[in-house]
C-alpha atoms as a PDB file:
ATOM      1  CA  MET A   1       6.018 -12.107  -0.477  1.00  0.00           C
ATOM      2  CA  PRO A   2       6.548 -15.512   1.096  1.00  0.00           C
ATOM      3  CA  VAL A   3       3.737 -17.996   0.480  1.00  0.00           C
ATOM      4  CA  ALA A   4       3.046 -18.384   4.219  1.00  0.00           C
ATOM      5  CA  LEU A   5       2.547 -14.620   4.623  1.00  0.00           C
ATOM      6  CA  ALA A   6       0.352 -14.452   1.528  1.00  0.00           C
ATOM      7  CA  LYS A   7      -1.882 -17.218   2.885  1.00  0.00           C
ATOM      8  CA  LEU A   8      -2.044 -15.569   6.321  1.00  0.00           C
ATOM      9  CA  CYS A   9      -3.084 -12.205   4.846  1.00  0.00           C
ATOM     10  CA  GLN A  10      -5.495 -13.602   2.217  1.00  0.00           C
ATOM     11  CA  GLY A  11      -8.781 -11.661   2.297  1.00  0.00           C
ATOM     12  CA  HIS A  12      -7.550  -8.864   4.588  1.00  0.00           C
ATOM     13  CA  ARG A  13      -8.096  -5.189   3.752  1.00  0.00           C
ATOM     14  CA  ILE A  14      -5.780  -2.514   5.112  1.00  0.00           C
ATOM     15  CA  SER A  15      -6.754   1.169   4.936  1.00  0.00           C
ATOM     16  CA  LEU A  16      -3.778   3.497   4.589  1.00  0.00           C
ATOM     17  CA  ALA A  17      -3.268   7.250   4.755  1.00  0.00           C
ATOM     18  CA  VAL A  18      -0.525   8.113   2.268  1.00  0.00           C
ATOM     19  CA  ARG A  19       1.239  11.357   1.463  1.00  0.00           C
ATOM     20  CA  VAL A  20       2.416  11.434  -2.133  1.00  0.00           C
ATOM     21  CA  ALA A  21       5.329  13.781  -2.878  1.00  0.00           C
ATOM     22  CA  GLU A  22       5.653  16.032  -5.928  1.00  0.00           C
ATOM     23  CA  THR A  23       7.779  13.281  -7.454  1.00  0.00           C
ATOM     24  CA  GLY A  24       5.024  10.664  -7.158  1.00  0.00           C
ATOM     25  CA  LEU A  25       6.930   8.767  -4.478  1.00  0.00           C
ATOM     26  CA  VAL A  26       5.318   7.929  -1.146  1.00  0.00           C
ATOM     27  CA  GLU A  27       6.620  10.377   1.465  1.00  0.00           C
ATOM     28  CA  ASN A  28       4.745   8.980   4.415  1.00  0.00           C
ATOM     29  CA  ALA A  29       2.192   6.262   5.061  1.00  0.00           C
ATOM     30  CA  LYS A  30       0.314   5.035   8.111  1.00  0.00           C
ATOM     31  CA  VAL A  31      -2.337   2.437   8.830  1.00  0.00           C
ATOM     32  CA  ILE A  32      -5.826   3.850   9.366  1.00  0.00           C
ATOM     33  CA  SER A  33      -7.528   0.507   9.945  1.00  0.00           C
ATOM     34  CA  SER A  34      -6.779  -3.157   9.602  1.00  0.00           C
ATOM     35  CA  GLY A  35      -7.775  -6.484  10.998  1.00  0.00           C
ATOM     36  CA  HIS A  36      -5.444  -8.960  12.540  1.00  0.00           C
ATOM     37  CA  PRO A  37      -2.721 -10.098  12.071  1.00  0.00           C
ATOM     38  CA  GLU A  38      -0.601  -6.966  12.357  1.00  0.00           C
ATOM     39  CA  VAL A  39       2.093  -8.444  10.108  1.00  0.00           C
ATOM     40  CA  CYS A  40      -0.302  -7.911   7.162  1.00  0.00           C
ATOM     41  CA  ALA A  41      -0.581  -4.174   7.908  1.00  0.00           C
ATOM     42  CA  GLU A  42       3.201  -3.921   8.293  1.00  0.00           C
ATOM     43  CA  ASN A  43       3.659  -5.670   4.937  1.00  0.00           C
ATOM     44  CA  ALA A  44       1.134  -3.367   3.234  1.00  0.00           C
ATOM     45  CA  LEU A  45       3.025  -0.315   4.529  1.00  0.00           C
ATOM     46  CA  GLU A  46       6.335  -1.715   3.333  1.00  0.00           C
ATOM     47  CA  VAL A  47       4.977  -2.486  -0.141  1.00  0.00           C
ATOM     48  CA  VAL A  48       3.332   0.923  -0.569  1.00  0.00           C
ATOM     49  CA  GLN A  49       6.367   2.841   0.704  1.00  0.00           C
ATOM     50  CA  ASN A  50       8.920   0.912  -1.335  1.00  0.00           C
ATOM     51  CA  PHE A  51       7.190  -0.103  -4.556  1.00  0.00           C
ATOM     52  CA  TYR A  52       4.224   2.186  -5.321  1.00  0.00           C
ATOM     53  CA  ARG A  53       4.619   5.182  -7.617  1.00  0.00           C
ATOM     54  CA  PHE A  54       1.823   7.662  -8.282  1.00  0.00           C
ATOM     55  CA  LYS A  55       1.104  10.399 -10.757  1.00  0.00           C
ATOM     56  CA  PRO A  56       1.416  13.433  -8.472  1.00  0.00           C
ATOM     57  CA  ALA A  57      -1.382  15.901  -7.949  1.00  0.00           C
ATOM     58  CA  ALA A  58      -0.992  19.264  -9.706  1.00  0.00           C
ATOM     59  CA  ASP A  59      -1.874  22.834  -8.857  1.00  0.00           C
ATOM     60  CA  VAL A  60      -3.941  25.070 -11.157  1.00  0.00           C
ATOM     61  CA  GLU A  61      -0.843  25.777 -13.244  1.00  0.00           C
ATOM     62  CA  GLY A  62      -0.106  22.080 -13.703  1.00  0.00           C
ATOM     63  CA  ILE A  63       2.888  22.063 -11.378  1.00  0.00           C
ATOM     64  CA  PRO A  64       3.198  18.840  -9.360  1.00  0.00           C
ATOM     65  CA  VAL A  65       2.401  19.192  -5.641  1.00  0.00           C
ATOM     66  CA  ALA A  66       2.417  16.851  -2.665  1.00  0.00           C
ATOM     67  CA  ALA A  67      -1.012  15.582  -1.654  1.00  0.00           C
ATOM     68  CA  PRO A  68      -2.683  13.218   0.805  1.00  0.00           C
ATOM     69  CA  LEU A  69      -4.319  10.023  -0.385  1.00  0.00           C
ATOM     70  CA  THR A  70      -6.425   7.410   1.363  1.00  0.00           C
ATOM     71  CA  MET A  71      -6.173   3.936  -0.120  1.00  0.00           C
ATOM     72  CA  VAL A  72      -7.210   0.385   0.611  1.00  0.00           C
ATOM     73  CA  PHE A  73      -4.652  -2.377   0.207  1.00  0.00           C
ATOM     74  CA  ASN A  74      -6.439  -5.655  -0.556  1.00  0.00           C
ATOM     75  CA  TYR A  75      -4.854  -9.045  -0.065  1.00  0.00           C
ATOM     76  CA  ASP A  76      -6.824 -10.788  -2.781  1.00  0.00           C
ATOM     77  CA  LEU A  77      -3.998 -12.956  -3.978  1.00  0.00           C
ATOM     78  CA  VAL A  78      -3.897 -16.216  -5.811  1.00  0.00           C
ATOM     79  CA  VAL A  79      -1.403 -18.248  -3.834  1.00  0.00           C
ATOM     80  CA  LYS A  80       0.135 -21.259  -5.505  1.00  0.00           C
ATOM     81  CA  ASP A  81       2.775 -23.379  -3.835  1.00  0.00           C
ATOM     82  CA  VAL A  82       5.877 -24.009  -5.909  1.00  0.00           C
ATOM     83  CA  ALA A  83       5.213 -27.744  -5.671  1.00  0.00           C
ATOM     84  CA  ASP A  84       1.832 -27.345  -7.462  1.00  0.00           C
END
């Protein structure tokens, strides 16, 4: 994440509705709530869809199944410029 974007999003919380596939990969994700700026919500979606992996839910027989998940993506980052 570029430093400028990290600073812009610092302190923001984005609530996401996520569908986790049987494989643990994110099948679908959408923003439930977020503050401004919208670029922070778009970045949260991109990160969750492309980099998050979950242990999938399982049925009573232990077989992995797809399942919905609600999560909060927090931008509580320590941002340090390269020059520091």
